[in-house]
Amino acid sequence: MRRRGWATLVVGAVLGGLGIPAAHAAVPADIAATTPLTVDELVDTFDSGILDGLGEIGDPPAITGDATLDHRIREIAVERGYRRRPEPNRALTPIDGRLLQPEAAAAWVALRDAAAADGITIGLTSAYRSTARQAELFRSLLTGTDAAAIDTTLRRVAPPGFSRHHTGYAMDLTSEGKVLGAFTTTAAHQWLSADNFANAKRYGWVPSYPDGAASAGPDPEPWEYVWVGTANIVCEVFTPGADQAFCDAVGSTFEADIAWLSANEITTGCRSDRFCPDDSLTRAQGATMIWRMSGSPAATTPAPFADVPPDVWFSDAIAWMVENGITTGTTPTTFSPDDPLTRAQFVTFLWRLNGRPEAEPGPFTDVSPAGFASTAVGWAVDVGVTQGTSPTTFTPEADTTRGQTAAFLRRYDSLAEAP
C-alpha cells in the first residue's frame, strides 16, 4: 500500500447509521446456524468462548458443611469433567419469571418467538441459579457419602460453584408439559436439535451437555441450553488465513474492510483472532489507526497530555496527531484515550486531516451551527463522507464502531489511490 501525507486526500466513506455498539460482535445468524460442530466442540464453545458480564472465580462455596466431604465431591466432579464457573458481575434481566444475562434474555425471546412461528411451544423452567440454591438442589439428591453415591448424584446435578446456571447464560427448557429427560420426546427438542442444532445456533444457543460429549460433567441433558452468541460458534472452528484474520468478522458487512485493515497492518484486532467490529472505537484506537495508515511517522515531541504517558502503545500516534493539528485533546492537558470516539469527533479528525476546508453547516437539526463540529459535518456532507443517521439528524454523540471505521479507512485509501 502506498503511504502518503493525509492532508491532501479527499474522503469518501459513508458513516451514517452507526447505531448502538454491542458488547461483542455478532456473526450473521445463517453462518452460525450452518457452522458444523462436533458434540465436543458444542461443549467447548462455552468453555473457551468470550462472554461479558462475568466476574472472577472465587473460593468454592460450601456444599454439605463437611469440609472433607465437600473436598471429595469437588474432586470427583472434576474427574467427571465439571469446571468451576464464574457468577454475574452485572444486573441480570428478568424474563418469563427467570433471570438471564441481557444478551441471553434477548436471544431467548428471539428463539422462543421463532419456535412459535413454526408452531413449536417452548418455555423456561430454570435459568440463573445461585450457588446457595445449587447447594440445596445437590443436597436434596445426594443419597450417600461414598464415591459411588457421589458419582451417581454428579451424573444428575452439578455441585455448587460448577453449574453453568451460575453464569446467567444457561437455561432449562420445557415443552408440552414435559421436562428433563421427557423433553426429548417433544417436537421442540426435534426442532432445536435438527441439522446439528441449526435453529438453536441461529440465535447463539448450543446444548450444554449433548449426547456423546466426552467428560462434560453430568450425563447428557437435552433440556439444557447455554447462550454463547453466534461469534463464539463460528470462532470455535475458525482458522485465520490470508483472506481473514478475525473469526468475528466472518459474514460481517465489514468483512472485506477488516481483512484489508489487517493485511495492511493497520490493526492487530482486539484479541489474537478477533476484531470486535461492533465495539466502540476508542480515541486511542482511532488515533493509532490513522497514524499507522499514514506510515507510523515519528513525532518530534511527546504528546502534551497527562493521560498519555510516553511509553504507552498509543503515545507516538497521539503525539503525531498533535503536531499535525489533527487533535487538541479533550482539554489542554488530557486526551481521554479510553473514551469512545464519537461521530462528531471522528468527522472533525477527518476535516482537520483534509486541511480544515470551509463549508456551510450541514442539514442536521442536532448539529448546532455554533458547535465545534459544525463546519466539519457540513464538509463531510458536501464531500459524501456522511448522509447522517436520517435526512435531518447526524447523531453527533453516538460512538463510532470499529467495523465502520475499517470501512471508512479502506474507502479513504481507495479514493486516495484513484487518479
Protein backbone atom coordinates (compact mmCIF):
# COMPACT_ATOMS: atom_id res chain seq x y z
CA MET A 1 0.00 0.00 0.00
CA ARG A 2 1.35 3.43 -0.93
CA ARG A 3 1.85 5.71 2.11
CA ARG A 4 1.32 9.46 2.00
CA GLY A 5 0.52 12.58 3.93
CA TRP A 6 -3.17 12.79 4.76
CA ALA A 7 -3.85 16.50 4.47
CA THR A 8 -4.11 16.33 0.67
CA LEU A 9 -6.61 13.49 0.46
CA VAL A 10 -10.31 13.54 -0.38
CA VAL A 11 -12.53 11.43 1.88
CA GLY A 12 -15.47 9.36 0.64
CA ALA A 13 -16.66 6.94 3.33
CA VAL A 14 -20.28 6.80 4.44
CA LEU A 15 -20.68 6.95 8.20
CA GLY A 16 -24.45 7.09 8.64
CA GLY A 17 -26.48 4.69 10.73
CA LEU A 18 -23.89 3.76 13.32
CA GLY A 19 -26.40 2.52 15.88
CA ILE A 20 -25.52 1.41 19.39
CA PRO A 21 -22.35 -0.69 19.66
CA ALA A 22 -22.76 -4.19 21.07
CA ALA A 23 -20.62 -5.72 23.78
CA HIS A 24 -19.14 -8.08 21.22
CA ALA A 25 -19.65 -8.81 17.58
CA ALA A 26 -22.48 -10.95 16.30
CA VAL A 27 -21.71 -13.12 13.28
CA PRO A 28 -24.74 -13.37 10.94
CA ALA A 29 -27.27 -15.94 12.13
CA ASP A 30 -27.23 -18.03 8.94
CA ILE A 31 -23.48 -18.53 9.17
CA ALA A 32 -23.68 -19.65 12.80
CA ALA A 33 -26.62 -21.95 12.03
CA THR A 34 -24.68 -23.76 9.30
CA THR A 35 -21.33 -23.95 11.10
CA PRO A 36 -20.83 -27.69 11.78
CA LEU A 37 -19.70 -28.54 15.30
CA THR A 38 -18.92 -31.90 16.88
CA VAL A 39 -20.52 -32.64 20.25
CA ASP A 40 -17.26 -31.82 21.99
CA GLU A 41 -16.97 -28.55 20.06
CA LEU A 42 -20.51 -27.68 21.10
CA VAL A 43 -19.48 -28.07 24.73
CA ASP A 44 -16.26 -26.15 24.19
CA THR A 45 -17.95 -23.08 22.67
CA PHE A 46 -18.96 -22.10 26.19
CA ASP A 47 -15.77 -23.22 27.92
CA SER A 48 -13.47 -21.34 25.54
CA GLY A 49 -15.82 -18.60 24.36
CA ILE A 50 -15.68 -14.90 25.21
CA LEU A 51 -18.69 -13.75 27.25
CA ASP A 52 -19.42 -10.50 29.02
CA GLY A 53 -20.81 -9.80 32.47
CA LEU A 54 -18.90 -12.45 34.42
CA GLY A 55 -16.73 -11.94 37.48
CA GLU A 56 -13.67 -13.76 38.72
CA ILE A 57 -13.99 -17.28 40.10
CA GLY A 58 -13.53 -17.11 43.87
CA ASP A 59 -13.26 -19.71 46.59
CA PRO A 60 -15.53 -22.73 46.11
CA PRO A 61 -18.81 -22.46 48.04
CA ALA A 62 -19.79 -24.94 50.74
CA ILE A 63 -21.84 -27.96 49.68
CA THR A 64 -22.72 -30.05 52.72
CA GLY A 65 -20.99 -28.22 55.56
CA ASP A 66 -18.48 -31.06 55.95
CA ALA A 67 -15.22 -29.70 54.54
CA THR A 68 -13.71 -33.14 53.95
CA LEU A 69 -16.79 -34.42 52.15
CA ASP A 70 -17.07 -31.22 50.14
CA HIS A 71 -13.48 -31.58 49.01
CA ARG A 72 -14.12 -35.16 47.89
CA ILE A 73 -17.25 -34.14 46.00
CA ARG A 74 -15.28 -31.49 44.12
CA GLU A 75 -12.51 -33.97 43.29
CA ILE A 76 -14.97 -36.43 41.77
CA ALA A 77 -16.75 -33.60 39.96
CA VAL A 78 -13.52 -32.53 38.29
CA GLU A 79 -12.79 -36.15 37.33
CA ARG A 80 -16.17 -36.24 35.58
CA GLY A 81 -15.30 -33.08 33.60
CA TYR A 82 -17.06 -30.40 35.65
CA ARG A 83 -15.42 -26.98 35.71
CA ARG A 84 -15.73 -24.08 38.12
CA ARG A 85 -17.97 -21.32 36.80
CA PRO A 86 -17.99 -17.57 37.38
CA GLU A 87 -21.06 -15.64 38.51
CA PRO A 88 -22.52 -12.45 37.02
CA ASN A 89 -20.94 -9.11 37.87
CA ARG A 90 -23.82 -7.06 36.50
CA ALA A 91 -27.61 -6.99 36.77
CA LEU A 92 -29.49 -9.83 35.09
CA THR A 93 -32.63 -9.40 33.00
CA PRO A 94 -35.97 -10.75 34.26
CA ILE A 95 -37.64 -12.80 31.54
CA ASP A 96 -40.53 -15.27 31.74
CA GLY A 97 -40.18 -15.44 35.51
CA ARG A 98 -36.45 -16.20 35.38
CA LEU A 99 -33.18 -14.28 35.24
CA LEU A 100 -30.70 -14.30 32.34
CA GLN A 101 -27.76 -12.24 31.19
CA PRO A 102 -29.05 -9.39 28.98
CA GLU A 103 -27.76 -10.89 25.72
CA ALA A 104 -29.14 -14.31 26.62
CA ALA A 105 -32.52 -12.85 27.56
CA ALA A 106 -32.84 -11.16 24.17
CA ALA A 107 -31.69 -14.32 22.41
CA TRP A 108 -34.20 -16.41 24.39
CA VAL A 109 -37.06 -14.21 23.26
CA ALA A 110 -35.87 -14.48 19.64
CA LEU A 111 -35.58 -18.28 19.91
CA ARG A 112 -38.95 -18.66 21.63
CA ASP A 113 -40.68 -16.49 19.04
CA ALA A 114 -39.03 -18.28 16.13
CA ALA A 115 -40.19 -21.61 17.52
CA ALA A 116 -43.71 -20.24 17.96
CA ALA A 117 -43.71 -19.12 14.32
CA ASP A 118 -43.04 -22.76 13.41
CA GLY A 119 -45.82 -23.99 15.68
CA ILE A 120 -43.47 -25.03 18.49
CA THR A 121 -44.04 -24.03 22.12
CA ILE A 122 -41.08 -23.88 24.49
CA GLY A 123 -40.75 -22.41 27.95
CA LEU A 124 -38.23 -21.89 30.72
CA THR A 125 -38.11 -23.99 33.86
CA SER A 126 -34.78 -22.62 35.12
CA ALA A 127 -32.18 -20.03 34.19
CA TYR A 128 -29.79 -18.24 36.58
CA ARG A 129 -29.26 -20.25 39.75
CA SER A 130 -27.28 -19.06 42.76
CA THR A 131 -24.65 -21.24 44.43
CA ALA A 132 -26.86 -21.38 47.52
CA ARG A 133 -29.79 -22.73 45.51
CA GLN A 134 -27.46 -25.15 43.72
CA ALA A 135 -26.22 -26.44 47.09
CA GLU A 136 -29.80 -27.08 48.21
CA LEU A 137 -30.53 -28.94 44.99
CA PHE A 138 -27.37 -31.02 45.24
CA ARG A 139 -28.00 -32.00 48.87
CA SER A 140 -31.57 -33.00 48.05
CA LEU A 141 -30.27 -35.54 45.52
CA LEU A 142 -27.25 -36.81 47.48
CA THR A 143 -28.08 -40.28 48.83
CA GLY A 144 -24.76 -41.20 50.43
CA THR A 145 -21.21 -40.12 51.11
CA ASP A 146 -19.23 -42.89 49.42
CA ALA A 147 -17.69 -42.35 46.00
CA ALA A 148 -20.38 -44.32 44.18
CA ALA A 149 -23.20 -42.28 45.72
CA ILE A 150 -21.39 -39.02 44.99
CA ASP A 151 -20.78 -40.03 41.38
CA THR A 152 -24.42 -41.01 40.95
CA THR A 153 -25.51 -37.58 42.18
CA LEU A 154 -22.99 -35.84 39.93
CA ARG A 155 -24.48 -37.63 36.95
CA ARG A 156 -27.69 -35.69 37.61
CA VAL A 157 -26.63 -32.33 39.05
CA ALA A 158 -23.58 -30.07 39.34
CA PRO A 159 -22.21 -29.21 42.78
CA PRO A 160 -22.44 -25.54 43.72
CA GLY A 161 -19.77 -23.49 42.01
CA PHE A 162 -19.70 -25.81 38.97
CA SER A 163 -23.05 -25.18 37.29
CA ARG A 164 -23.37 -23.25 34.04
CA HIS A 165 -26.57 -21.85 35.51
CA HIS A 166 -24.44 -19.72 37.85
CA THR A 167 -23.30 -17.63 34.87
CA GLY A 168 -26.78 -16.48 33.85
CA TYR A 169 -26.22 -17.88 30.36
CA ALA A 170 -27.82 -21.33 30.83
CA MET A 171 -31.49 -22.30 30.71
CA ASP A 172 -33.58 -25.43 31.18
CA LEU A 173 -36.45 -25.91 28.76
CA THR A 174 -39.90 -27.43 28.82
CA SER A 175 -42.46 -28.15 26.13
CA GLU A 176 -45.83 -29.90 26.08
CA GLY A 177 -45.62 -30.06 29.87
CA LYS A 178 -42.55 -32.29 29.64
CA VAL A 179 -39.30 -31.59 31.49
CA LEU A 180 -35.88 -33.19 31.97
CA GLY A 181 -35.50 -36.47 30.07
CA ALA A 182 -39.07 -36.37 28.79
CA PHE A 183 -38.17 -33.24 26.84
CA THR A 184 -36.52 -35.48 24.21
CA THR A 185 -39.97 -36.75 23.17
CA THR A 186 -41.22 -33.29 22.23
CA ALA A 187 -41.41 -31.54 18.89
CA ALA A 188 -39.43 -28.71 20.50
CA HIS A 189 -36.45 -31.00 21.06
CA GLN A 190 -36.57 -32.15 17.45
CA TRP A 191 -36.81 -28.56 16.23
CA LEU A 192 -33.86 -27.43 18.32
CA SER A 193 -31.56 -30.37 17.62
CA ALA A 194 -32.23 -30.87 13.90
CA ASP A 195 -29.38 -30.31 11.45
CA ASN A 196 -26.65 -30.04 14.09
CA PHE A 197 -28.76 -27.76 16.29
CA ALA A 198 -29.19 -25.23 13.47
CA ASN A 199 -32.24 -23.50 14.94
CA ALA A 200 -30.53 -23.12 18.31
CA LYS A 201 -27.23 -21.91 16.83
CA ARG A 202 -29.05 -19.37 14.69
CA TYR A 203 -29.79 -17.44 17.90
CA GLY A 204 -26.47 -18.17 19.61
CA TRP A 205 -27.63 -21.17 21.68
CA VAL A 206 -25.93 -24.56 21.93
CA PRO A 207 -26.74 -27.60 24.06
CA SER A 208 -24.85 -27.60 27.34
CA TYR A 209 -24.34 -31.35 27.57
CA PRO A 210 -25.16 -33.09 24.27
CA ASP A 211 -25.26 -36.84 23.96
CA GLY A 212 -21.83 -38.26 23.15
CA ALA A 213 -19.71 -35.46 24.61
CA ALA A 214 -16.59 -36.67 26.42
CA SER A 215 -16.22 -35.88 30.13
CA ALA A 216 -18.55 -32.88 30.18
CA GLY A 217 -19.75 -33.33 33.77
CA PRO A 218 -23.29 -34.69 34.08
CA ASP A 219 -24.98 -37.23 31.87
CA PRO A 220 -26.46 -35.72 28.68
CA GLU A 221 -29.07 -33.07 29.46
CA PRO A 222 -31.08 -32.43 26.28
CA TRP A 223 -33.22 -29.88 28.08
CA GLU A 224 -30.34 -27.52 28.97
CA TYR A 225 -29.02 -24.93 26.53
CA VAL A 226 -26.43 -22.23 27.02
CA TRP A 227 -26.05 -18.98 25.14
CA VAL A 228 -22.63 -18.36 23.63
CA GLY A 229 -23.51 -15.98 20.81
CA THR A 230 -23.02 -16.53 17.10
CA ALA A 231 -19.44 -15.24 17.10
CA ASN A 232 -18.24 -17.87 19.58
CA ILE A 233 -19.91 -20.58 17.50
CA VAL A 234 -18.03 -19.57 14.36
CA CYS A 235 -14.80 -18.87 16.24
CA GLU A 236 -14.80 -22.40 17.66
CA VAL A 237 -13.73 -23.85 14.29
CA PHE A 238 -12.17 -20.80 12.63
CA THR A 239 -8.65 -20.89 11.20
CA PRO A 240 -7.08 -17.49 10.48
CA GLY A 241 -5.89 -17.07 6.92
CA ALA A 242 -4.68 -14.53 4.43
CA ASP A 243 -8.24 -13.62 3.47
CA GLN A 244 -9.44 -13.04 7.02
CA ALA A 245 -7.55 -12.94 10.28
CA PHE A 246 -10.54 -12.49 12.59
CA CYS A 247 -13.28 -15.01 13.25
CA ASP A 248 -15.83 -12.43 14.40
CA ALA A 249 -15.60 -10.64 11.06
CA VAL A 250 -16.88 -13.64 9.07
CA GLY A 251 -20.04 -12.62 7.26
CA SER A 252 -19.86 -9.08 8.60
CA THR A 253 -20.87 -6.14 6.45
CA PHE A 254 -17.32 -5.01 7.03
CA GLU A 255 -15.59 -8.36 6.40
CA ALA A 256 -13.58 -7.18 3.37
CA ASP A 257 -12.77 -3.86 5.05
CA ILE A 258 -11.47 -5.59 8.19
CA ALA A 259 -9.41 -8.03 6.12
CA TRP A 260 -7.87 -5.09 4.29
CA LEU A 261 -7.14 -3.31 7.56
CA SER A 262 -5.34 -6.39 8.86
CA ALA A 263 -3.45 -7.07 5.64
CA ASN A 264 -2.11 -3.53 5.68
CA GLU A 265 -1.02 -3.86 9.33
CA ILE A 266 -3.32 -1.07 10.49
CA THR A 267 -4.82 -3.33 13.14
CA THR A 268 -3.96 -6.47 15.08
CA GLY A 269 -7.55 -6.79 16.33
CA CYS A 270 -8.94 -6.57 19.82
CA ARG A 271 -7.61 -10.08 20.54
CA SER A 272 -5.43 -12.52 18.64
CA ASP A 273 -8.28 -13.86 16.49
CA ARG A 274 -10.98 -11.18 16.95
CA PHE A 275 -11.55 -7.67 15.69
CA CYS A 276 -14.66 -6.78 17.77
CA PRO A 277 -16.32 -4.90 14.86
CA ASP A 278 -19.38 -3.88 16.89
CA ASP A 279 -17.38 -2.42 19.77
CA SER A 280 -16.97 1.33 20.13
CA LEU A 281 -13.72 2.71 18.77
CA THR A 282 -11.74 4.45 21.50
CA ARG A 283 -9.96 7.72 20.91
CA ALA A 284 -6.60 5.97 21.32
CA GLN A 285 -7.55 3.29 18.80
CA GLY A 286 -8.77 5.85 16.30
CA ALA A 287 -5.57 7.87 16.59
CA THR A 288 -3.44 4.75 16.20
CA MET A 289 -5.28 3.52 13.10
CA ILE A 290 -4.91 6.90 11.40
CA TRP A 291 -1.23 7.03 12.37
CA ARG A 292 -0.48 3.52 11.11
CA MET A 293 -2.25 4.15 7.83
CA SER A 294 -0.07 7.22 7.41
CA GLY A 295 3.06 5.11 7.74
CA SER A 296 3.60 5.42 11.51
CA PRO A 297 5.59 8.68 11.23
CA ALA A 298 7.70 9.83 14.13
CA ALA A 299 6.80 12.90 16.15
CA THR A 300 9.46 15.33 17.31
CA THR A 301 7.99 15.95 20.75
CA PRO A 302 5.91 13.84 23.15
CA ALA A 303 2.17 14.36 23.42
CA PRO A 304 1.39 17.16 25.90
CA PHE A 305 -1.30 15.23 27.75
CA ALA A 306 -1.06 13.98 31.32
CA ASP A 307 -3.08 10.86 30.43
CA VAL A 308 -0.75 9.88 27.55
CA PRO A 309 2.50 8.65 29.12
CA PRO A 310 5.42 8.45 26.68
CA ASP A 311 5.72 4.66 26.95
CA VAL A 312 2.14 3.57 26.16
CA TRP A 313 1.22 1.92 22.85
CA PHE A 314 -0.68 4.95 21.53
CA SER A 315 1.70 7.74 22.63
CA ASP A 316 3.52 8.11 19.28
CA ALA A 317 0.25 8.24 17.36
CA ILE A 318 -1.23 10.95 19.54
CA ALA A 319 1.98 12.97 19.57
CA TRP A 320 1.96 12.90 15.76
CA MET A 321 -1.69 13.95 15.63
CA VAL A 322 -0.98 16.92 17.89
CA GLU A 323 1.99 18.02 15.76
CA ASN A 324 -0.15 17.85 12.62
CA GLY A 325 -3.07 19.76 14.09
CA ILE A 326 -5.45 16.78 13.98
CA THR A 327 -6.25 16.86 17.67
CA THR A 328 -6.08 19.31 20.54
CA GLY A 329 -7.25 16.75 23.09
CA THR A 330 -10.36 16.91 25.23
CA THR A 331 -8.71 19.59 27.39
CA PRO A 332 -5.32 21.31 27.16
CA THR A 333 -3.84 18.59 29.40
CA THR A 334 -5.91 15.48 28.58
CA PHE A 335 -6.65 13.34 25.53
CA SER A 336 -9.06 10.86 27.20
CA PRO A 337 -7.63 7.88 25.27
CA ASP A 338 -10.09 5.32 26.64
CA ASP A 339 -13.20 7.34 25.84
CA PRO A 340 -15.21 6.28 22.78
CA LEU A 341 -14.60 8.31 19.65
CA THR A 342 -17.90 9.99 18.79
CA ARG A 343 -19.24 10.67 15.33
CA ALA A 344 -18.65 14.39 15.78
CA GLN A 345 -15.05 13.85 16.90
CA PHE A 346 -14.41 11.37 14.10
CA VAL A 347 -15.63 13.72 11.38
CA THR A 348 -13.65 16.55 12.94
CA PHE A 349 -10.44 14.49 12.76
CA LEU A 350 -11.15 13.87 9.06
CA TRP A 351 -11.85 17.53 8.39
CA ARG A 352 -8.59 18.54 10.03
CA LEU A 353 -6.71 15.86 8.08
CA ASN A 354 -8.02 17.49 4.93
CA GLY A 355 -6.79 20.94 5.79
CA ARG A 356 -9.87 22.35 7.55
CA PRO A 357 -11.73 23.34 4.36
CA GLU A 358 -14.53 25.89 4.53
CA ALA A 359 -18.07 24.52 4.39
CA GLU A 360 -21.62 25.53 5.17
CA PRO A 361 -23.35 23.81 8.11
CA GLY A 362 -24.99 20.54 7.21
CA PRO A 363 -28.75 19.87 7.07
CA PHE A 364 -28.92 18.27 10.51
CA THR A 365 -31.08 19.67 13.29
CA ASP A 366 -28.98 18.00 16.00
CA VAL A 367 -25.73 19.72 14.96
CA SER A 368 -25.60 23.22 16.36
CA PRO A 369 -24.16 25.84 13.95
CA ALA A 370 -22.14 27.07 16.92
CA GLY A 371 -20.83 23.62 17.83
CA PHE A 372 -17.20 22.54 17.37
CA ALA A 373 -18.12 20.03 14.65
CA SER A 374 -20.50 22.19 12.60
CA THR A 375 -18.09 23.03 9.77
CA ALA A 376 -16.62 19.53 9.81
CA VAL A 377 -20.04 17.93 9.49
CA GLY A 378 -21.01 20.35 6.72
CA TRP A 379 -17.84 19.48 4.87
CA ALA A 380 -18.46 15.78 5.41
CA VAL A 381 -21.89 16.09 3.82
CA ASP A 382 -20.52 18.09 0.89
CA VAL A 383 -17.84 15.51 0.01
CA GLY A 384 -20.01 12.47 0.70
CA VAL A 385 -18.43 11.38 3.97
CA THR A 386 -21.83 11.06 5.59
CA GLN A 387 -25.53 11.17 4.85
CA GLY A 388 -26.35 11.31 8.55
CA THR A 389 -28.46 8.86 10.51
CA SER A 390 -31.55 10.33 8.86
CA PRO A 391 -32.17 13.17 6.40
CA THR A 392 -32.33 15.61 9.33
CA THR A 393 -30.09 14.05 12.02
CA PHE A 394 -26.40 13.28 12.36
CA THR A 395 -26.41 11.87 15.92
CA PRO A 396 -23.10 13.52 16.75
CA GLU A 397 -22.68 11.99 20.21
CA ALA A 398 -23.10 8.37 19.06
CA ASP A 399 -19.99 6.19 19.20
CA THR A 400 -18.11 5.14 16.08
CA THR A 401 -17.73 1.37 15.80
CA ARG A 402 -14.55 -0.47 14.87
CA GLY A 403 -16.19 -2.15 11.88
CA GLN A 404 -17.45 1.11 10.44
CA THR A 405 -14.03 2.63 10.94
CA ALA A 406 -12.48 -0.21 8.90
CA ALA A 407 -14.85 0.57 6.04
CA PHE A 408 -14.10 4.27 6.30
CA LEU A 409 -10.33 3.83 6.23
CA ARG A 410 -10.46 1.41 3.30
CA ARG A 411 -12.64 3.74 1.26
CA TYR A 412 -10.45 6.67 2.21
CA ASP A 413 -7.39 4.87 0.90
CA SER A 414 -9.16 3.71 -2.28
CA LEU A 415 -10.21 7.24 -3.13
CA ALA A 416 -6.70 8.49 -2.49
CA GLU A 417 -5.31 5.94 -4.97
CA ALA A 418 -7.77 6.98 -7.70
CA PRO A 419 -6.36 9.22 -10.46
